[in-house]
């Protein structure tokens, strides 16, 4: 279970990611925190899924995320980071998911459900 879900919002999340965030938030009873660079502005289309926004100089900086987790006494095992990072950026033990991988998984699940309903 995740207590905190950090989402890099420098690129506006698409509809599929927003649906997935809503489901993750509800299932885990987690806080969803948008992480953005100084230049980025939260778009009104981000809705009410986000509980808070953090601003860092380098987009979704793991240093900022780590400090936030320490301040709220949340272990790295209870935090999920969503953003476009290379596989080797999974530093300090944080679970990192790419939005494109999440979308592909969601679309595959929907296809399977549609096929199941036809039978």
Protein backbone atom coordinates (compact mmCIF):
# COMPACT_ATOMS: atom_id res chain seq x y z
CA UNK A 1 0.00 0.00 0.00
CA UNK A 2 1.17 3.49 -0.80
CA UNK A 3 0.67 6.45 1.51
CA UNK A 4 2.14 8.98 -0.92
CA UNK A 5 1.99 9.08 -4.71
CA UNK A 6 4.24 11.65 -6.37
CA UNK A 7 3.46 12.61 -9.97
CA UNK A 8 5.72 14.65 -12.24
CA UNK A 9 3.24 17.14 -13.71
CA UNK A 10 5.61 19.18 -15.87
CA UNK A 11 3.87 17.51 -18.81
CA UNK A 12 0.11 17.64 -18.24
CA UNK A 13 -1.15 14.14 -17.36
CA UNK A 14 -3.55 12.65 -19.92
CA UNK A 15 -7.05 11.35 -19.18
CA UNK A 16 -5.94 7.74 -18.73
CA UNK A 17 -3.30 8.69 -16.18
CA UNK A 18 -5.81 10.87 -14.33
CA UNK A 19 -8.24 7.92 -14.11
CA UNK A 20 -5.46 5.67 -12.88
CA UNK A 21 -4.40 8.24 -10.28
CA UNK A 22 -7.96 8.45 -9.03
CA UNK A 23 -8.11 4.66 -8.67
CA UNK A 24 -4.70 4.48 -6.97
CA UNK A 25 -5.63 7.27 -4.59
CA UNK A 26 -8.89 5.61 -3.61
CA UNK A 27 -7.52 2.06 -3.36
CA UNK A 28 -4.50 3.09 -1.28
CA UNK A 29 -6.16 5.95 0.63
CA UNK A 30 -3.05 7.87 -0.41
CA UNK A 31 -2.15 11.52 -0.82
CA UNK A 32 -1.35 12.44 -4.42
CA UNK A 33 1.32 15.10 -4.73
CA UNK A 34 2.07 16.85 -8.00
CA UNK A 35 5.75 17.68 -8.46
CA UNK A 36 6.67 20.37 -10.95
CA UNK A 37 9.57 22.57 -11.96
CA UNK A 38 9.62 26.23 -11.03
CA UNK A 39 8.49 27.22 -14.54
CA UNK A 40 5.51 24.88 -14.67
CA UNK A 41 2.08 26.09 -13.64
CA UNK A 42 -0.63 23.73 -12.42
CA UNK A 43 -3.30 23.53 -15.10
CA UNK A 44 -6.92 23.83 -13.96
CA UNK A 45 -7.59 20.59 -15.87
CA UNK A 46 -5.67 18.63 -13.23
CA UNK A 47 -8.85 18.53 -11.20
CA UNK A 48 -9.16 17.58 -7.58
CA UNK A 49 -7.04 14.42 -7.59
CA UNK A 50 -3.98 16.26 -6.31
CA UNK A 51 -3.81 17.01 -2.60
CA UNK A 52 -0.77 19.23 -2.90
CA UNK A 53 1.88 20.50 -5.30
CA UNK A 54 5.62 20.65 -4.68
CA UNK A 55 7.92 22.83 -6.72
CA UNK A 56 11.56 21.89 -7.35
CA UNK A 57 14.29 23.25 -9.56
CA UNK A 58 14.79 19.96 -11.42
CA UNK A 59 11.26 18.69 -12.07
CA UNK A 60 10.42 15.74 -9.85
CA UNK A 61 13.65 15.79 -7.86
CA UNK A 62 14.21 12.71 -5.73
CA UNK A 63 15.86 14.93 -3.11
CA UNK A 64 12.63 16.92 -2.70
CA UNK A 65 10.57 13.73 -2.62
CA UNK A 66 12.90 12.13 -0.08
CA UNK A 67 12.73 15.19 2.19
CA UNK A 68 8.92 15.24 1.98
CA UNK A 69 8.79 11.55 2.95
CA UNK A 70 11.17 12.13 5.86
CA UNK A 71 9.15 15.12 7.09
CA UNK A 72 5.97 13.01 7.17
CA UNK A 73 7.76 9.85 8.39
CA UNK A 74 6.80 7.80 5.33
CA UNK A 75 9.22 5.06 4.26
CA UNK A 76 10.35 4.70 0.64
CA UNK A 77 8.33 1.47 0.46
CA UNK A 78 5.15 3.48 1.05
CA UNK A 79 5.82 6.00 -1.75
CA UNK A 80 5.27 5.70 -5.49
CA UNK A 81 6.83 8.07 -8.03
CA UNK A 82 5.18 8.44 -11.44
CA UNK A 83 7.12 10.15 -14.19
CA UNK A 84 9.29 9.66 -17.28
CA UNK A 85 12.55 8.51 -15.75
CA UNK A 86 15.17 6.15 -17.02
CA UNK A 87 15.25 2.77 -15.29
CA UNK A 88 18.52 3.64 -13.54
CA UNK A 89 16.92 6.69 -11.87
CA UNK A 90 15.17 4.42 -9.35
CA UNK A 91 17.42 5.72 -6.60
CA UNK A 92 17.03 5.32 -2.88
CA UNK A 93 14.63 2.42 -3.32
CA UNK A 94 11.63 4.39 -4.61
CA UNK A 95 9.19 2.51 -6.82
CA UNK A 96 9.06 4.42 -10.11
CA UNK A 97 6.44 3.95 -12.84
CA UNK A 98 6.42 5.57 -16.26
CA UNK A 99 3.05 7.02 -17.37
CA UNK A 100 3.41 5.42 -20.81
CA UNK A 101 3.85 1.97 -19.24
CA UNK A 102 0.84 2.56 -16.99
CA UNK A 103 -1.28 3.63 -19.98
CA UNK A 104 -0.26 0.55 -21.98
CA UNK A 105 -1.17 -1.69 -19.05
CA UNK A 106 -4.53 0.06 -18.66
CA UNK A 107 -5.35 -0.26 -22.36
CA UNK A 108 -4.45 -3.97 -22.31
CA UNK A 109 -6.71 -4.52 -19.29
CA UNK A 110 -9.59 -2.73 -21.04
CA UNK A 111 -9.11 -4.88 -24.16
CA UNK A 112 -9.18 -8.03 -22.03
CA UNK A 113 -12.35 -6.86 -20.30
CA UNK A 114 -14.06 -6.10 -23.63
CA UNK A 115 -13.10 -9.56 -24.91
CA UNK A 116 -14.38 -11.17 -21.73
CA UNK A 117 -17.76 -9.43 -21.99
CA UNK A 118 -18.27 -10.65 -25.59
CA UNK A 119 -17.97 -14.32 -24.66
